[in-house]
Amino acid sequence: MNALSYESEQLDQRLRPASASEGAAQTPFPGDRIKTLRQARGMSLKELSEQAGVSTGTLSQIERNIANPSLKVITKIQAALGTTVSTLFPNVPSRHDDPDFIRRKDRRPFCDLGHLTKELISTGTSKNLEIMILHIPPYGSTGDAPLSSLSDKAGLVLEGEVELEVKGRKCDLFEGDSFLFDGCEPHAVRNKTGSPAKVLWIVSRIPLDRHI
């Protein structure tokens, strides 16, 4: 088990509801996990606020599950905590006889962000690669403000139709269409239709030394 997997397991031992079934893929908002990660790092609310560029009031509301932040804000907080997005997902235990590089279909955790839901496909065995399915409801999106992160991003439209915007250039994508771009460029994904859409979303984090 690597450090990220251990950290996530420890978080879930503290956060998992007593009534939760071992195989259930729950869809909680990650406010409690953000608070627990912050406290585990010995950071005050103000310190995380300053490092993430998110107001203390907003951050407090997020941790208390009052505010429903955009994906952009979640990305800023995750980066300030020095962790990956997958750490914010609930831990869904694997089958006892499965190796740690396997994730069964019925063991995928979900993270509901309100404007879209992330379904984690990848396991915790990689520090630099995350694979998810974005469930984007009708007229949903990754948020009003474009995203940007130190990563390469790629994907495939599994269902429906989405608009992908990268560095101001917009393109409509349909089922079966794929993409790859530099995540440092401002980008956004939108579902402009009245039907839900599903997008395979792959994030490959770029080592910091490649930018020094």
Protein backbone atom coordinates (compact mmCIF):
# COMPACT_ATOMS: atom_id res chain seq x y z
CA MET A 1 0.00 0.00 0.00
CA ASN A 2 1.45 3.39 -0.98
CA ALA A 3 1.25 6.57 1.10
CA LEU A 4 -1.80 7.92 -0.74
CA SER A 5 -3.73 4.67 -0.31
CA TYR A 6 -2.84 4.52 3.39
CA GLU A 7 -3.86 8.16 3.90
CA SER A 8 -7.20 7.60 2.18
CA GLU A 9 -7.86 4.46 4.24
CA GLN A 10 -7.10 6.29 7.48
CA LEU A 11 -9.43 9.12 6.49
CA ASP A 12 -12.25 6.70 5.76
CA GLN A 13 -11.88 4.93 9.09
CA ARG A 14 -12.63 8.31 10.71
CA LEU A 15 -15.31 9.44 8.27
CA ARG A 16 -17.23 6.34 7.23
CA PRO A 17 -20.77 6.26 8.68
CA ALA A 18 -21.41 3.35 10.98
CA SER A 19 -24.37 2.27 8.84
CA ALA A 20 -22.43 2.22 5.58
CA SER A 21 -22.21 -1.18 3.93
CA GLU A 22 -18.72 -2.34 3.02
CA GLY A 23 -19.38 -2.59 -0.71
CA ALA A 24 -21.55 0.50 -1.18
CA ALA A 25 -20.30 3.27 -3.44
CA GLN A 26 -21.52 6.34 -1.59
CA THR A 27 -21.79 9.88 -3.01
CA PRO A 28 -20.93 12.29 -0.22
CA PHE A 29 -19.77 15.83 -0.70
CA PRO A 30 -16.06 15.93 0.27
CA GLY A 31 -16.26 18.71 2.89
CA ASP A 32 -15.47 16.40 5.82
CA ARG A 33 -12.53 14.90 3.96
CA ILE A 34 -11.10 18.33 3.18
CA LYS A 35 -11.34 19.31 6.84
CA THR A 36 -9.72 16.07 8.01
CA LEU A 37 -6.87 16.41 5.48
CA ARG A 38 -6.26 20.01 6.58
CA GLN A 39 -6.17 19.09 10.25
CA ALA A 40 -3.91 16.09 9.55
CA ARG A 41 -1.43 18.51 7.99
CA GLY A 42 -1.61 20.85 10.96
CA MET A 43 -3.00 23.66 8.81
CA SER A 44 -5.37 26.29 10.10
CA LEU A 45 -8.39 27.36 8.10
CA LYS A 46 -6.61 30.64 7.37
CA GLU A 47 -3.43 28.92 6.16
CA LEU A 48 -5.32 26.70 3.73
CA SER A 49 -7.36 29.69 2.62
CA GLU A 50 -4.22 31.67 1.77
CA GLN A 51 -2.49 28.80 -0.01
CA ALA A 52 -5.56 27.81 -2.03
CA GLY A 53 -6.66 31.35 -2.86
CA VAL A 54 -10.13 30.64 -1.47
CA SER A 55 -11.73 32.90 1.14
CA THR A 56 -11.83 31.66 4.72
CA GLY A 57 -15.61 32.02 4.81
CA THR A 58 -16.07 29.96 1.66
CA LEU A 59 -13.65 27.31 2.87
CA SER A 60 -15.45 27.08 6.21
CA GLN A 61 -18.78 26.58 4.43
CA ILE A 62 -17.24 23.91 2.21
CA GLU A 63 -15.90 21.98 5.20
CA ARG A 64 -19.33 22.13 6.85
CA ASN A 65 -21.00 20.95 3.63
CA ILE A 66 -22.95 24.19 3.38
CA ALA A 67 -21.36 25.53 0.18
CA ASN A 68 -21.29 23.61 -3.09
CA PRO A 69 -17.97 24.67 -4.67
CA SER A 70 -17.04 24.55 -8.31
CA LEU A 71 -14.56 22.02 -9.63
CA LYS A 72 -12.09 24.89 -9.98
CA VAL A 73 -12.27 25.65 -6.26
CA ILE A 74 -11.97 21.96 -5.36
CA THR A 75 -8.88 21.73 -7.59
CA LYS A 76 -7.29 24.72 -5.83
CA ILE A 77 -7.94 23.22 -2.40
CA GLN A 78 -6.65 19.81 -3.42
CA ALA A 79 -3.45 21.36 -4.80
CA ALA A 80 -2.91 23.42 -1.62
CA LEU A 81 -3.30 20.25 0.46
CA GLY A 82 -0.69 18.53 -1.71
CA THR A 83 -2.93 15.60 -2.53
CA THR A 84 -4.83 14.21 -5.50
CA VAL A 85 -8.53 14.45 -6.30
CA SER A 86 -8.94 10.73 -5.67
CA THR A 87 -8.15 11.28 -1.96
CA LEU A 88 -11.44 13.20 -1.70
CA PHE A 89 -13.43 10.14 -2.73
CA PRO A 90 -14.86 7.78 -0.11
CA ASN A 91 -12.95 4.53 0.22
CA VAL A 92 -14.83 1.53 -1.16
CA PRO A 93 -13.03 -1.62 0.04
CA SER A 94 -11.94 -4.06 -2.66
CA ARG A 95 -12.77 -7.73 -2.53
CA HIS A 96 -10.49 -9.49 -0.07
CA ASP A 97 -8.92 -11.65 -2.80
CA ASP A 98 -8.31 -8.82 -5.30
CA PRO A 99 -4.85 -7.26 -5.80
CA ASP A 100 -4.60 -3.51 -5.13
CA PHE A 101 -4.33 -2.68 -8.85
CA ILE A 102 -7.89 -3.93 -9.51
CA ARG A 103 -11.13 -1.96 -9.09
CA ARG A 104 -14.35 -3.85 -9.73
CA LYS A 105 -17.32 -2.16 -11.38
CA ASP A 106 -19.40 -2.42 -8.21
CA ARG A 107 -16.59 -0.98 -6.07
CA ARG A 108 -16.25 2.43 -7.70
CA PRO A 109 -16.59 5.41 -5.34
CA PHE A 110 -18.52 8.52 -6.37
CA CYS A 111 -18.04 12.15 -5.47
CA ASP A 112 -21.10 14.37 -5.99
CA LEU A 113 -20.13 18.00 -6.66
CA GLY A 114 -23.68 19.13 -7.41
CA HIS A 115 -23.02 20.38 -10.94
CA LEU A 116 -21.52 17.01 -11.90
CA THR A 117 -20.58 13.68 -10.35
CA LYS A 118 -17.19 12.00 -10.54
CA GLU A 119 -16.91 8.21 -10.58
CA LEU A 120 -13.43 6.94 -9.76
CA ILE A 121 -12.16 4.10 -11.94
CA SER A 122 -8.45 4.06 -11.17
CA THR A 123 -7.02 2.49 -8.04
CA GLY A 124 -4.78 4.19 -5.49
CA THR A 125 -1.63 2.51 -6.79
CA SER A 126 -0.52 5.47 -8.93
CA LYS A 127 0.54 8.91 -7.73
CA ASN A 128 0.46 10.49 -11.19
CA LEU A 129 -2.51 8.96 -13.02
CA GLU A 130 -6.21 9.26 -12.23
CA ILE A 131 -9.05 7.86 -14.32
CA MET A 132 -12.66 8.86 -13.74
CA ILE A 133 -16.04 9.05 -15.41
CA LEU A 134 -17.66 12.47 -15.33
CA HIS A 135 -21.45 12.25 -15.11
CA ILE A 136 -22.66 15.62 -16.39
CA PRO A 137 -26.40 16.28 -16.01
CA PRO A 138 -28.39 18.27 -18.57
CA TYR A 139 -26.91 21.79 -18.82
CA GLY A 140 -24.25 20.89 -16.25
CA SER A 141 -20.57 21.76 -16.54
CA THR A 142 -17.21 21.84 -14.81
CA GLY A 143 -18.10 25.35 -13.62
CA ASP A 144 -18.39 28.94 -14.82
CA ALA A 145 -14.65 29.61 -14.60
CA PRO A 146 -12.15 27.58 -16.68
CA LEU A 147 -9.95 25.03 -14.92
CA SER A 148 -6.17 24.84 -14.98
CA SER A 149 -3.80 22.34 -13.37
CA LEU A 150 -0.29 20.97 -13.70
CA SER A 151 -1.30 17.92 -15.75
CA ASP A 152 -2.01 16.37 -19.09
CA LYS A 153 -5.68 15.57 -19.61
CA ALA A 154 -7.37 13.18 -22.02
CA GLY A 155 -10.73 11.53 -22.41
CA LEU A 156 -13.47 9.94 -24.43
CA VAL A 157 -17.15 10.83 -24.70
CA LEU A 158 -19.02 7.71 -23.58
CA GLU A 159 -22.57 9.03 -23.86
CA GLY A 160 -24.29 12.19 -25.00
CA GLU A 161 -22.75 15.39 -26.31
CA VAL A 162 -20.42 17.88 -24.63
CA GLU A 163 -18.64 21.08 -25.49
CA LEU A 164 -14.92 21.09 -24.72
CA GLU A 165 -13.17 24.45 -24.44
CA VAL A 166 -9.38 24.70 -24.29
CA LYS A 167 -7.61 28.06 -24.29
CA GLY A 168 -10.73 29.80 -25.61
CA ARG A 169 -11.30 27.39 -28.48
CA LYS A 170 -14.60 25.47 -28.29
CA CYS A 171 -15.50 22.18 -29.95
CA ASP A 172 -18.60 19.98 -29.80
CA LEU A 173 -17.81 16.34 -29.06
CA PHE A 174 -20.08 13.35 -29.55
CA GLU A 175 -20.12 9.72 -28.41
CA GLY A 176 -16.85 8.07 -29.42
CA ASP A 177 -14.91 11.32 -29.84
CA SER A 178 -11.67 11.61 -27.84
CA PHE A 179 -9.31 14.40 -26.80
CA LEU A 180 -5.95 15.17 -25.20
CA PHE A 181 -4.62 18.57 -24.09
CA ASP A 182 -2.27 20.35 -21.70
CA GLY A 183 -4.16 20.83 -18.44
CA CYS A 184 -2.18 24.00 -17.75
CA GLU A 185 -4.27 25.65 -20.47
CA PRO A 186 -7.61 27.09 -19.24
CA HIS A 187 -10.30 24.53 -20.06
CA ALA A 188 -13.90 23.60 -19.40
CA VAL A 189 -16.45 20.91 -20.26
CA ARG A 190 -20.14 21.71 -20.69
CA ASN A 191 -23.27 19.74 -21.44
CA LYS A 192 -25.48 22.14 -23.40
CA THR A 193 -28.20 19.57 -24.08
CA GLY A 194 -31.24 18.33 -22.19
CA SER A 195 -29.81 14.82 -21.89
CA PRO A 196 -27.14 13.55 -19.48
CA ALA A 197 -23.59 12.97 -20.70
CA LYS A 198 -20.76 10.70 -19.57
CA VAL A 199 -17.09 11.40 -20.25
CA LEU A 200 -14.10 9.21 -19.52
CA TRP A 201 -11.65 11.65 -17.87
CA ILE A 202 -7.95 10.88 -17.55
CA VAL A 203 -5.53 13.07 -15.60
CA SER A 204 -1.78 12.48 -15.80
CA ARG A 205 0.06 14.74 -13.37
CA ILE A 206 3.26 16.37 -14.60
CA PRO A 207 6.25 16.08 -12.23
CA LEU A 208 7.25 19.46 -10.84
CA ASP A 209 10.86 19.10 -12.02
CA ARG A 210 9.65 19.24 -15.62
CA HIS A 211 8.59 22.85 -14.97
CA ILE A 212 11.73 24.04 -13.22
